[in-house]
Amino acid sequence: MAGNGVLVIGEPSEGSVAPATLEVLGAARELAGKMGGPVAVAVLGQDVAGQAPGLIERGADRVDVLSDPRLSPYQADTWVPALAALIRETSASVVLLSHTQTGREFGTRLAFRLGTGIVTDCSDLQVADNGRLLAVKPVFGGNAVAEYTVAGDGVQLASLRPKLFDQAAPVPGHQGEIVERPVQIDPSQVRTKAHERVRAAAAGPDLENAQRVVAGGRGMGGPENWPLLDELASAIGAAVGASRAAVDAGWVPGPLQIGLTGAKISPQLYVAVGISGAVQHMAGCAGSRTIVAINRDPEANIFRYAQLGVVGNAKEVLPALTRKARELTGS
């Protein structure tokens, strides 16, 4: 089903192309190779045309530039009508986006606006026997996978789980077109307005993009023991995360949560301390290259996933591990 190809909706970003956009572009190129048709990317915001050449370099056949002050900062009330108009104009067969916080918000609203369906949080994309998109996603907390197609013959939407797909690699000599598109927004439909944007203070590497992550769970015993995690993270240059249990207990803020409803990480090293390893948590760190588990319970589920495990009390193990890390790194 070649149709009019695959349209990727770029993730909101300031300046450069967001890594999540490149992940979706990589998946779109692979899917278009099976279904036929071109691959386009839509970038929205203010002064976003500078992102277009880099996207063409990485395999986009067309970049649709929707540049308008009303589209920045992101808000669904402006993005949804602008995207709906673009999709109707270009007649894309498949629309792909990242299953980020923003994608989760506008994706479902966009599907409703277009009178179609969306498969969310996909882990794989295939082509069904009838030529339609076959979207694969984890279900039952990651214990199984299910295959879905969008009913009817209209446009098909899917959001992709971050960190599972490889970013689109550069394609030497690839050519494409850059199209400036008019932005169609009815002011009467814009019901929200951004008054202020506040950045949370960040200490250490960004959690979702860090190559090393140290995280704690209920087994840490309480917030008074959290500095032990911070010290180890500082010694090895890691970001700090947490399980949902630690967040729900109020020990740490919500943005540190790793799991099905939190951050998705894929570091080279993940040190899980006092975390039981529930499937909802593991869904957020499944892409980790090496998992080191520290837990007092030798039967903890986390040891099923870990390459290295330590059975012991975090208050005893962490200081020893931190000392050894500083000894090896000279920090």
C-alpha atoms as a PDB file:
ATOM      1  CA  MET A   1       0.000   0.000   0.000  1.00  0.00           C
ATOM      2  CA  ALA A   2       2.171   2.841  -1.238  1.00  0.00           C
ATOM      3  CA  GLY A   3      -0.443   5.577  -0.847  1.00  0.00           C
ATOM      4  CA  ASN A   4       1.264   8.856  -0.094  1.00  0.00           C
ATOM      5  CA  GLY A   5       3.864   7.404   2.200  1.00  0.00           C
ATOM      6  CA  VAL A   6       4.767   7.924   5.828  1.00  0.00           C
ATOM      7  CA  LEU A   7       4.663  11.228   7.703  1.00  0.00           C
ATOM      8  CA  VAL A   8       6.778  11.669  10.834  1.00  0.00           C
ATOM      9  CA  ILE A   9       5.697  14.332  13.306  1.00  0.00           C
ATOM     10  CA  GLY A  10       8.784  15.958  14.771  1.00  0.00           C
ATOM     11  CA  GLU A  11       9.083  16.260  18.530  1.00  0.00           C
ATOM     12  CA  PRO A  12       9.064  19.821  19.959  1.00  0.00           C
ATOM     13  CA  SER A  13      12.641  20.986  20.395  1.00  0.00           C
ATOM     14  CA  GLU A  14      14.699  24.099  20.753  1.00  0.00           C
ATOM     15  CA  GLY A  15      17.141  24.491  17.890  1.00  0.00           C
ATOM     16  CA  SER A  16      18.424  21.050  16.898  1.00  0.00           C
ATOM     17  CA  VAL A  17      16.408  17.989  15.903  1.00  0.00           C
ATOM     18  CA  ALA A  18      15.204  16.005  18.915  1.00  0.00           C
ATOM     19  CA  PRO A  19      16.663  12.479  19.280  1.00  0.00           C
ATOM     20  CA  ALA A  20      13.100  11.114  19.504  1.00  0.00           C
ATOM     21  CA  THR A  21      12.374  12.517  16.040  1.00  0.00           C
ATOM     22  CA  LEU A  22      15.396  10.711  14.606  1.00  0.00           C
ATOM     23  CA  GLU A  23      14.229   7.446  16.205  1.00  0.00           C
ATOM     24  CA  VAL A  24      10.825   7.755  14.544  1.00  0.00           C
ATOM     25  CA  LEU A  25      12.441   8.745  11.239  1.00  0.00           C
ATOM     26  CA  GLY A  26      14.580   5.597  11.360  1.00  0.00           C
ATOM     27  CA  ALA A  27      11.470   3.450  11.885  1.00  0.00           C
ATOM     28  CA  ALA A  28       9.615   5.337   9.141  1.00  0.00           C
ATOM     29  CA  ARG A  29      12.377   4.701   6.605  1.00  0.00           C
ATOM     30  CA  GLU A  30      12.292   0.986   7.367  1.00  0.00           C
ATOM     31  CA  LEU A  31       8.494   0.865   7.148  1.00  0.00           C
ATOM     32  CA  ALA A  32       8.425   2.826   3.887  1.00  0.00           C
ATOM     33  CA  GLY A  33      10.865   0.312   2.442  1.00  0.00           C
ATOM     34  CA  LYS A  34       8.207  -2.360   2.987  1.00  0.00           C
ATOM     35  CA  MET A  35       5.086  -0.364   2.134  1.00  0.00           C
ATOM     36  CA  GLY A  36       6.420   1.935  -0.548  1.00  0.00           C
ATOM     37  CA  GLY A  37       5.992   5.681  -0.820  1.00  0.00           C
ATOM     38  CA  PRO A  38       8.059   8.628   0.404  1.00  0.00           C
ATOM     39  CA  VAL A  39       9.002   9.578   3.954  1.00  0.00           C
ATOM     40  CA  ALA A  40       8.151  13.093   5.097  1.00  0.00           C
ATOM     41  CA  VAL A  41       8.835  14.873   8.375  1.00  0.00           C
ATOM     42  CA  ALA A  42       6.760  17.723   9.790  1.00  0.00           C
ATOM     43  CA  VAL A  43       8.557  20.215  12.039  1.00  0.00           C
ATOM     44  CA  LEU A  44       6.474  22.704  13.989  1.00  0.00           C
ATOM     45  CA  GLY A  45       7.392  25.750  16.039  1.00  0.00           C
ATOM     46  CA  GLN A  46       8.978  29.138  15.556  1.00  0.00           C
ATOM     47  CA  ASP A  47      12.027  29.425  13.283  1.00  0.00           C
ATOM     48  CA  VAL A  48      12.272  25.657  12.779  1.00  0.00           C
ATOM     49  CA  ALA A  49      13.354  25.664   9.127  1.00  0.00           C
ATOM     50  CA  GLY A  50      16.955  25.151  10.225  1.00  0.00           C
ATOM     51  CA  GLN A  51      16.113  21.552  11.205  1.00  0.00           C
ATOM     52  CA  ALA A  52      15.132  20.598   7.650  1.00  0.00           C
ATOM     53  CA  PRO A  53      18.578  20.023   6.020  1.00  0.00           C
ATOM     54  CA  GLY A  54      19.649  17.645   8.798  1.00  0.00           C
ATOM     55  CA  LEU A  55      16.473  15.600   8.386  1.00  0.00           C
ATOM     56  CA  ILE A  56      16.972  15.285   4.636  1.00  0.00           C
ATOM     57  CA  GLU A  57      20.560  14.234   5.331  1.00  0.00           C
ATOM     58  CA  ARG A  58      19.136  11.359   7.381  1.00  0.00           C
ATOM     59  CA  GLY A  59      16.752  10.085   4.738  1.00  0.00           C
ATOM     60  CA  ALA A  60      13.646  12.304   4.715  1.00  0.00           C
ATOM     61  CA  ASP A  61      12.307  12.746   1.173  1.00  0.00           C
ATOM     62  CA  ARG A  62      10.382  15.866   2.186  1.00  0.00           C
ATOM     63  CA  VAL A  63      10.346  18.165   5.192  1.00  0.00           C
ATOM     64  CA  ASP A  64       7.144  20.105   5.833  1.00  0.00           C
ATOM     65  CA  VAL A  65       8.004  23.267   7.756  1.00  0.00           C
ATOM     66  CA  LEU A  66       5.199  24.783   9.821  1.00  0.00           C
ATOM     67  CA  SER A  67       6.801  27.880  11.290  1.00  0.00           C
ATOM     68  CA  ASP A  68       4.564  30.148  13.336  1.00  0.00           C
ATOM     69  CA  PRO A  69       4.908  31.895  16.734  1.00  0.00           C
ATOM     70  CA  ARG A  70       1.585  30.334  17.758  1.00  0.00           C
ATOM     71  CA  LEU A  71       3.188  26.880  17.605  1.00  0.00           C
ATOM     72  CA  SER A  72       5.886  27.680  20.157  1.00  0.00           C
ATOM     73  CA  PRO A  73       5.987  26.768  22.950  1.00  0.00           C
ATOM     74  CA  TYR A  74       4.150  23.539  22.200  1.00  0.00           C
ATOM     75  CA  GLN A  75       0.501  23.216  23.122  1.00  0.00           C
ATOM     76  CA  ALA A  76      -1.990  20.708  21.759  1.00  0.00           C
ATOM     77  CA  ASP A  77      -4.664  23.326  20.989  1.00  0.00           C
ATOM     78  CA  THR A  78      -2.475  24.770  18.223  1.00  0.00           C
ATOM     79  CA  TRP A  79      -0.588  21.678  17.099  1.00  0.00           C
ATOM     80  CA  VAL A  80      -3.634  19.446  16.529  1.00  0.00           C
ATOM     81  CA  PRO A  81      -5.472  21.662  13.985  1.00  0.00           C
ATOM     82  CA  ALA A  82      -2.221  22.549  12.202  1.00  0.00           C
ATOM     83  CA  LEU A  83      -1.266  18.880  11.874  1.00  0.00           C
ATOM     84  CA  ALA A  84      -4.769  17.782  10.870  1.00  0.00           C
ATOM     85  CA  ALA A  85      -4.755  20.305   8.019  1.00  0.00           C
ATOM     86  CA  LEU A  86      -1.294  19.145   6.908  1.00  0.00           C
ATOM     87  CA  ILE A  87      -2.262  15.455   6.916  1.00  0.00           C
ATOM     88  CA  ARG A  88      -5.406  16.111   4.901  1.00  0.00           C
ATOM     89  CA  GLU A  89      -3.417  18.186   2.411  1.00  0.00           C
ATOM     90  CA  THR A  90      -0.613  15.659   1.932  1.00  0.00           C
ATOM     91  CA  SER A  91      -2.805  12.511   2.211  1.00  0.00           C
ATOM     92  CA  ALA A  92      -0.213  10.519   4.146  1.00  0.00           C
ATOM     93  CA  SER A  93      -1.069   6.833   4.531  1.00  0.00           C
ATOM     94  CA  VAL A  94       0.717   6.420   7.877  1.00  0.00           C
ATOM     95  CA  VAL A  95       1.533   9.029  10.526  1.00  0.00           C
ATOM     96  CA  LEU A  96       4.181   8.211  13.139  1.00  0.00           C
ATOM     97  CA  LEU A  97       5.147  10.081  16.304  1.00  0.00           C
ATOM     98  CA  SER A  98       7.099   9.426  19.478  1.00  0.00           C
ATOM     99  CA  HIS A  99       5.263   8.195  22.581  1.00  0.00           C
ATOM    100  CA  THR A 100       6.630  11.018  24.711  1.00  0.00           C
ATOM    101  CA  GLN A 101       4.664  13.215  27.069  1.00  0.00           C
ATOM    102  CA  THR A 102       3.740  15.545  24.204  1.00  0.00           C
ATOM    103  CA  GLY A 103       3.073  12.689  21.781  1.00  0.00           C
ATOM    104  CA  ARG A 104       0.729  11.036  24.262  1.00  0.00           C
ATOM    105  CA  GLU A 105      -1.201  14.280  24.552  1.00  0.00           C
ATOM    106  CA  PHE A 106      -1.650  15.366  20.958  1.00  0.00           C
ATOM    107  CA  GLY A 107      -1.576  11.942  19.260  1.00  0.00           C
ATOM    108  CA  THR A 108      -4.951  10.759  20.511  1.00  0.00           C
ATOM    109  CA  ARG A 109      -6.527  14.157  19.951  1.00  0.00           C
ATOM    110  CA  LEU A 110      -5.177  14.222  16.402  1.00  0.00           C
ATOM    111  CA  ALA A 111      -6.587  10.765  15.660  1.00  0.00           C
ATOM    112  CA  PHE A 112     -10.010  11.882  16.919  1.00  0.00           C
ATOM    113  CA  ARG A 113      -9.812  15.047  14.805  1.00  0.00           C
ATOM    114  CA  LEU A 114      -9.082  12.926  11.719  1.00  0.00           C
ATOM    115  CA  GLY A 115     -11.787  10.364  12.521  1.00  0.00           C
ATOM    116  CA  THR A 116      -9.345   7.487  12.687  1.00  0.00           C
ATOM    117  CA  GLY A 117      -7.525   5.283  15.221  1.00  0.00           C
ATOM    118  CA  ILE A 118      -4.093   5.295  16.783  1.00  0.00           C
ATOM    119  CA  VAL A 119      -1.958   2.474  18.205  1.00  0.00           C
ATOM    120  CA  THR A 120       0.132   3.851  21.053  1.00  0.00           C
ATOM    121  CA  ASP A 121       3.463   2.859  22.626  1.00  0.00           C
ATOM    122  CA  CYS A 122       4.500   0.571  19.767  1.00  0.00           C
ATOM    123  CA  SER A 123       7.624  -1.571  19.967  1.00  0.00           C
ATOM    124  CA  ASP A 124       7.631  -2.736  16.328  1.00  0.00           C
ATOM    125  CA  LEU A 125       6.027  -1.924  12.987  1.00  0.00           C
ATOM    126  CA  GLN A 126       5.207  -4.493  10.320  1.00  0.00           C
ATOM    127  CA  VAL A 127       2.968  -4.722   7.244  1.00  0.00           C
ATOM    128  CA  ALA A 128      -0.207  -6.834   7.347  1.00  0.00           C
ATOM    129  CA  ASP A 129      -1.261  -9.142   4.513  1.00  0.00           C
ATOM    130  CA  ASN A 130      -3.701  -6.494   3.251  1.00  0.00           C
ATOM    131  CA  GLY A 131      -0.915  -3.921   3.014  1.00  0.00           C
ATOM    132  CA  ARG A 132      -2.057  -1.967   6.067  1.00  0.00           C
ATOM    133  CA  LEU A 133       0.155  -1.087   9.014  1.00  0.00           C
ATOM    134  CA  LEU A 134       0.540  -3.859  11.599  1.00  0.00           C
ATOM    135  CA  ALA A 135       1.561  -2.239  14.884  1.00  0.00           C
ATOM    136  CA  VAL A 136       3.057  -4.317  17.707  1.00  0.00           C
ATOM    137  CA  LYS A 137       2.957  -3.168  21.344  1.00  0.00           C
ATOM    138  CA  PRO A 138       3.586  -4.606  24.826  1.00  0.00           C
ATOM    139  CA  VAL A 139       0.492  -5.417  26.883  1.00  0.00           C
ATOM    140  CA  PHE A 140      -0.214  -6.713  30.415  1.00  0.00           C
ATOM    141  CA  GLY A 141       2.707  -4.789  31.870  1.00  0.00           C
ATOM    142  CA  GLY A 142       5.135  -6.111  29.264  1.00  0.00           C
ATOM    143  CA  ASN A 143       4.282  -9.793  29.818  1.00  0.00           C
ATOM    144  CA  ALA A 144       2.927 -10.180  26.276  1.00  0.00           C
ATOM    145  CA  VAL A 145       2.767  -8.391  22.948  1.00  0.00           C
ATOM    146  CA  ALA A 146      -0.254  -7.724  20.767  1.00  0.00           C
ATOM    147  CA  GLU A 147      -0.672  -6.844  17.095  1.00  0.00           C
ATOM    148  CA  TYR A 148      -3.081  -4.124  15.990  1.00  0.00           C
ATOM    149  CA  THR A 149      -4.311  -2.600  12.750  1.00  0.00           C
ATOM    150  CA  VAL A 150      -6.339   0.599  12.353  1.00  0.00           C
ATOM    151  CA  ALA A 151      -9.812  -0.204  11.010  1.00  0.00           C
ATOM    152  CA  GLY A 152     -11.095   1.341   7.797  1.00  0.00           C
ATOM    153  CA  ASP A 153      -9.110   2.682   4.886  1.00  0.00           C
ATOM    154  CA  GLY A 154      -8.147   6.098   6.261  1.00  0.00           C
ATOM    155  CA  VAL A 155      -4.876   7.396   7.638  1.00  0.00           C
ATOM    156  CA  GLN A 156      -3.196   5.182  10.259  1.00  0.00           C
ATOM    157  CA  LEU A 157      -1.513   6.681  13.333  1.00  0.00           C
ATOM    158  CA  ALA A 158       1.009   5.055  15.655  1.00  0.00           C
ATOM    159  CA  SER A 159       3.234   6.325  18.465  1.00  0.00           C
ATOM    160  CA  LEU A 160       6.565   4.597  19.069  1.00  0.00           C
ATOM    161  CA  ARG A 161       8.084   3.793  22.439  1.00  0.00           C
ATOM    162  CA  PRO A 162      11.194   5.957  22.919  1.00  0.00           C
ATOM    163  CA  LYS A 163      14.638   4.335  23.110  1.00  0.00           C
ATOM    164  CA  LEU A 164      13.601   1.135  21.302  1.00  0.00           C
ATOM    165  CA  PHE A 165      14.286   2.245  17.734  1.00  0.00           C
ATOM    166  CA  ASP A 166      17.653   3.190  16.249  1.00  0.00           C
ATOM    167  CA  GLN A 167      18.050   6.783  15.150  1.00  0.00           C
ATOM    168  CA  ALA A 168      18.049   7.346  11.385  1.00  0.00           C
ATOM    169  CA  ALA A 169      21.614   7.226  10.109  1.00  0.00           C
ATOM    170  CA  PRO A 170      22.920   9.760   7.568  1.00  0.00           C
ATOM    171  CA  VAL A 171      22.391   8.780   3.931  1.00  0.00           C
ATOM    172  CA  PRO A 172      25.283  10.147   1.839  1.00  0.00           C
ATOM    173  CA  GLY A 173      24.063  12.134  -1.150  1.00  0.00           C
ATOM    174  CA  HIS A 174      20.376  11.847  -0.261  1.00  0.00           C
ATOM    175  CA  GLN A 175      18.212  14.561  -1.791  1.00  0.00           C
ATOM    176  CA  GLY A 176      14.852  15.855  -0.644  1.00  0.00           C
ATOM    177  CA  GLU A 177      12.599  18.897  -0.756  1.00  0.00           C
ATOM    178  CA  ILE A 178      11.767  21.478   1.895  1.00  0.00           C
ATOM    179  CA  VAL A 179       8.207  22.778   1.774  1.00  0.00           C
ATOM    180  CA  GLU A 180       7.042  25.812   3.748  1.00  0.00           C
ATOM    181  CA  ARG A 181       3.428  25.106   4.712  1.00  0.00           C
ATOM    182  CA  PRO A 182       0.804  27.647   5.780  1.00  0.00           C
ATOM    183  CA  VAL A 183      -0.393  27.205   9.351  1.00  0.00           C
ATOM    184  CA  GLN A 184      -4.156  26.843   9.712  1.00  0.00           C
ATOM    185  CA  ILE A 185      -5.395  27.617  13.220  1.00  0.00           C
ATOM    186  CA  ASP A 186      -8.814  28.914  14.272  1.00  0.00           C
ATOM    187  CA  PRO A 187      -8.110  31.288  17.204  1.00  0.00           C
ATOM    188  CA  SER A 188     -11.502  30.503  18.735  1.00  0.00           C
ATOM    189  CA  GLN A 189     -10.407  26.872  19.213  1.00  0.00           C
ATOM    190  CA  VAL A 190      -7.280  27.764  21.209  1.00  0.00           C
ATOM    191  CA  ARG A 191      -8.528  27.400  24.776  1.00  0.00           C
ATOM    192  CA  THR A 192      -5.203  27.333  26.615  1.00  0.00           C
ATOM    193  CA  LYS A 193      -2.271  29.713  26.748  1.00  0.00           C
ATOM    194  CA  ALA A 194       1.237  29.212  28.091  1.00  0.00           C
ATOM    195  CA  HIS A 195       2.048  31.994  30.559  1.00  0.00           C
ATOM    196  CA  GLU A 196       5.394  30.803  31.837  1.00  0.00           C
ATOM    197  CA  ARG A 197       7.884  28.021  31.277  1.00  0.00           C
ATOM    198  CA  VAL A 198      10.008  26.944  34.242  1.00  0.00           C
ATOM    199  CA  ARG A 199      12.945  24.588  33.823  1.00  0.00           C
ATOM    200  CA  ALA A 200      13.585  22.160  36.672  1.00  0.00           C
ATOM    201  CA  ALA A 201      17.082  22.432  38.064  1.00  0.00           C
ATOM    202  CA  ALA A 202      19.106  19.492  36.816  1.00  0.00           C
ATOM    203  CA  ALA A 203      22.060  18.006  38.642  1.00  0.00           C
ATOM    204  CA  GLY A 204      24.197  15.538  36.711  1.00  0.00           C
ATOM    205  CA  PRO A 205      23.401  13.884  33.356  1.00  0.00           C
ATOM    206  CA  ASP A 206      19.927  13.900  31.843  1.00  0.00           C
ATOM    207  CA  LEU A 207      18.146  10.735  32.994  1.00  0.00           C
ATOM    208  CA  GLU A 208      16.649   9.613  29.667  1.00  0.00           C
ATOM    209  CA  ASN A 209      19.880  10.104  27.715  1.00  0.00           C
ATOM    210  CA  ALA A 210      22.468   9.097  30.332  1.00  0.00           C
ATOM    211  CA  GLN A 211      24.896   6.272  29.593  1.00  0.00           C
ATOM    212  CA  ARG A 212      25.018   5.364  33.293  1.00  0.00           C
ATOM    213  CA  VAL A 213      22.061   5.391  35.678  1.00  0.00           C
ATOM    214  CA  VAL A 214      21.820   4.630  39.409  1.00  0.00           C
ATOM    215  CA  ALA A 215      18.271   4.177  40.733  1.00  0.00           C
ATOM    216  CA  GLY A 216      16.713   3.424  44.087  1.00  0.00           C
ATOM    217  CA  GLY A 217      13.485   1.853  45.223  1.00  0.00           C
ATOM    218  CA  ARG A 218      11.566   1.012  48.364  1.00  0.00           C
ATOM    219  CA  GLY A 219      14.531  -1.021  49.599  1.00  0.00           C
ATOM    220  CA  MET A 220      16.470   2.202  50.201  1.00  0.00           C
ATOM    221  CA  GLY A 221      14.435   2.495  53.402  1.00  0.00           C
ATOM    222  CA  GLY A 222      13.689   6.210  53.198  1.00  0.00           C
ATOM    223  CA  PRO A 223      14.796   9.562  51.785  1.00  0.00           C
ATOM    224  CA  GLU A 224      17.461   9.891  54.465  1.00  0.00           C
ATOM    225  CA  ASN A 225      19.449   7.151  52.689  1.00  0.00           C
ATOM    226  CA  TRP A 226      19.159   8.710  49.234  1.00  0.00           C
ATOM    227  CA  PRO A 227      22.524  10.552  49.493  1.00  0.00           C
ATOM    228  CA  LEU A 228      24.161   7.106  49.250  1.00  0.00           C
ATOM    229  CA  LEU A 229      22.786   6.846  45.701  1.00  0.00           C
ATOM    230  CA  ASP A 230      23.844  10.398  44.875  1.00  0.00           C
ATOM    231  CA  GLU A 231      27.404   9.676  46.008  1.00  0.00           C
ATOM    232  CA  LEU A 232      27.697   6.568  43.836  1.00  0.00           C
ATOM    233  CA  ALA A 233      26.201   8.405  40.867  1.00  0.00           C
ATOM    234  CA  SER A 234      28.695  11.241  41.330  1.00  0.00           C
ATOM    235  CA  ALA A 235      31.600   8.773  41.526  1.00  0.00           C
ATOM    236  CA  ILE A 236      30.745   7.082  38.212  1.00  0.00           C
ATOM    237  CA  GLY A 237      29.220  10.046  36.348  1.00  0.00           C
ATOM    238  CA  ALA A 238      25.683   8.647  36.390  1.00  0.00           C
ATOM    239  CA  ALA A 239      22.173  10.090  36.421  1.00  0.00           C
ATOM    240  CA  VAL A 240      19.909   9.270  39.365  1.00  0.00           C
ATOM    241  CA  GLY A 241      16.504   7.632  38.955  1.00  0.00           C
ATOM    242  CA  ALA A 242      13.890   5.906  41.074  1.00  0.00           C
ATOM    243  CA  SER A 243      11.172   3.305  41.081  1.00  0.00           C
ATOM    244  CA  ARG A 244       7.528   4.307  41.252  1.00  0.00           C
ATOM    245  CA  ALA A 245       7.373   3.128  44.873  1.00  0.00           C
ATOM    246  CA  ALA A 246      10.024   5.681  45.864  1.00  0.00           C
ATOM    247  CA  VAL A 247       8.239   8.440  43.966  1.00  0.00           C
ATOM    248  CA  ASP A 248       4.811   7.550  45.372  1.00  0.00           C
ATOM    249  CA  ALA A 249       6.284   7.590  48.875  1.00  0.00           C
ATOM    250  CA  GLY A 250       7.371  11.185  48.305  1.00  0.00           C
ATOM    251  CA  TRP A 251      11.078  10.455  48.691  1.00  0.00           C
ATOM    252  CA  VAL A 252      12.008  11.921  45.282  1.00  0.00           C
ATOM    253  CA  PRO A 253      10.252  14.026  42.607  1.00  0.00           C
ATOM    254  CA  GLY A 254       8.203  12.466  39.807  1.00  0.00           C
ATOM    255  CA  PRO A 255      10.618  13.206  36.922  1.00  0.00           C
ATOM    256  CA  LEU A 256      13.050  10.653  38.401  1.00  0.00           C
ATOM    257  CA  GLN A 257      10.603   7.764  37.951  1.00  0.00           C
ATOM    258  CA  ILE A 258      11.698   4.983  35.602  1.00  0.00           C
ATOM    259  CA  GLY A 259       9.121   2.563  34.260  1.00  0.00           C
ATOM    260  CA  LEU A 260       6.049   2.006  32.151  1.00  0.00           C
ATOM    261  CA  THR A 261       4.554   5.329  33.260  1.00  0.00           C
ATOM    262  CA  GLY A 262       7.872   7.104  33.757  1.00  0.00           C
ATOM    263  CA  ALA A 263      11.144   7.670  31.946  1.00  0.00           C
ATOM    264  CA  LYS A 264      12.383   5.139  29.387  1.00  0.00           C
ATOM    265  CA  ILE A 265      16.132   4.635  29.618  1.00  0.00           C
ATOM    266  CA  SER A 266      18.707   2.632  27.672  1.00  0.00           C
ATOM    267  CA  PRO A 267      22.064   3.211  29.366  1.00  0.00           C
ATOM    268  CA  GLN A 268      25.218   1.171  29.049  1.00  0.00           C
ATOM    269  CA  LEU A 269      25.079   0.580  32.826  1.00  0.00           C
ATOM    270  CA  TYR A 270      22.016   0.509  35.090  1.00  0.00           C
ATOM    271  CA  VAL A 271      22.516   0.021  38.848  1.00  0.00           C
ATOM    272  CA  ALA A 272      19.179  -0.837  40.512  1.00  0.00           C
ATOM    273  CA  VAL A 273      19.292  -0.547  44.298  1.00  0.00           C
ATOM    274  CA  GLY A 274      16.451  -1.834  46.453  1.00  0.00           C
ATOM    275  CA  ILE A 275      14.207  -2.243  43.409  1.00  0.00           C
ATOM    276  CA  SER A 276      12.130  -5.427  43.244  1.00  0.00           C
ATOM    277  CA  GLY A 277      12.000  -5.584  39.434  1.00  0.00           C
ATOM    278  CA  ALA A 278       8.253  -5.418  38.778  1.00  0.00           C
ATOM    279  CA  VAL A 279       7.402  -5.697  35.089  1.00  0.00           C
ATOM    280  CA  GLN A 280       6.154  -2.106  35.059  1.00  0.00           C
ATOM    281  CA  HIS A 281       9.575  -0.908  36.162  1.00  0.00           C
ATOM    282  CA  MET A 282      11.488  -3.188  33.823  1.00  0.00           C
ATOM    283  CA  ALA A 283       9.461  -1.833  30.889  1.00  0.00           C
ATOM    284  CA  GLY A 284      11.285   1.463  31.398  1.00  0.00           C
ATOM    285  CA  CYS A 285      14.817   0.056  31.530  1.00  0.00           C
ATOM    286  CA  ALA A 286      14.601  -2.908  29.146  1.00  0.00           C
ATOM    287  CA  GLY A 287      17.095  -1.278  26.800  1.00  0.00           C
ATOM    288  CA  SER A 288      19.887  -1.229  29.409  1.00  0.00           C
ATOM    289  CA  ARG A 289      23.054  -2.941  28.218  1.00  0.00           C
ATOM    290  CA  THR A 290      24.204  -4.123  31.666  1.00  0.00           C
ATOM    291  CA  ILE A 291      22.018  -4.260  34.789  1.00  0.00           C
ATOM    292  CA  VAL A 292      23.577  -4.510  38.247  1.00  0.00           C
ATOM    293  CA  ALA A 293      21.036  -5.350  40.976  1.00  0.00           C
ATOM    294  CA  ILE A 294      21.550  -4.752  44.704  1.00  0.00           C
ATOM    295  CA  ASN A 295      18.784  -6.171  46.881  1.00  0.00           C
ATOM    296  CA  ARG A 296      18.427  -7.844  50.274  1.00  0.00           C
ATOM    297  CA  ASP A 297      15.923 -10.369  48.898  1.00  0.00           C
ATOM    298  CA  PRO A 298      17.694 -13.142  46.929  1.00  0.00           C
ATOM    299  CA  GLU A 299      14.341 -14.000  45.314  1.00  0.00           C
ATOM    300  CA  ALA A 300      13.727 -10.464  44.011  1.00  0.00           C
ATOM    301  CA  ASN A 301      12.521 -10.429  40.420  1.00  0.00           C
ATOM    302  CA  ILE A 302      15.237  -7.927  39.448  1.00  0.00           C
ATOM    303  CA  PHE A 303      17.852 -10.703  39.558  1.00  0.00           C
ATOM    304  CA  ARG A 304      16.131 -12.383  36.593  1.00  0.00           C
ATOM    305  CA  TYR A 305      17.141  -9.448  34.424  1.00  0.00           C
ATOM    306  CA  ALA A 306      20.497  -8.529  35.961  1.00  0.00           C
ATOM    307  CA  GLN A 307      23.866  -9.504  34.550  1.00  0.00           C
ATOM    308  CA  LEU A 308      25.447  -8.888  37.967  1.00  0.00           C
ATOM    309  CA  GLY A 309      23.746  -9.143  41.354  1.00  0.00           C
ATOM    310  CA  VAL A 310      24.608  -8.387  44.966  1.00  0.00           C
ATOM    311  CA  VAL A 311      22.457  -9.730  47.804  1.00  0.00           C
ATOM    312  CA  GLY A 312      22.899  -7.318  50.670  1.00  0.00           C
ATOM    313  CA  ASN A 313      21.852  -4.174  52.526  1.00  0.00           C
ATOM    314  CA  ALA A 314      22.116  -1.051  50.393  1.00  0.00           C
ATOM    315  CA  LYS A 315      23.440   0.957  53.354  1.00  0.00           C
ATOM    316  CA  GLU A 316      26.422  -1.380  53.521  1.00  0.00           C
ATOM    317  CA  VAL A 317      26.943  -2.169  49.841  1.00  0.00           C
ATOM    318  CA  LEU A 318      26.667   1.350  48.405  1.00  0.00           C
ATOM    319  CA  PRO A 319      29.451   2.988  50.472  1.00  0.00           C
ATOM    320  CA  ALA A 320      31.823   0.128  49.620  1.00  0.00           C
ATOM    321  CA  LEU A 321      30.914   0.351  45.933  1.00  0.00           C
ATOM    322  CA  THR A 322      31.368   4.125  45.941  1.00  0.00           C
ATOM    323  CA  ARG A 323      34.802   3.846  47.566  1.00  0.00           C
ATOM    324  CA  LYS A 324      35.922   1.302  44.979  1.00  0.00           C
ATOM    325  CA  ALA A 325      34.568   3.431  42.117  1.00  0.00           C
ATOM    326  CA  ARG A 326      36.478   6.473  43.343  1.00  0.00           C
ATOM    327  CA  GLU A 327      39.596   4.382  43.763  1.00  0.00           C
ATOM    328  CA  LEU A 328      39.370   3.170  40.169  1.00  0.00           C
ATOM    329  CA  THR A 329      38.498   6.558  38.682  1.00  0.00           C
ATOM    330  CA  GLY A 330      40.777   8.605  40.922  1.00  0.00           C
ATOM    331  CA  SER A 331      37.900  10.915  41.819  1.00  0.00           C
END
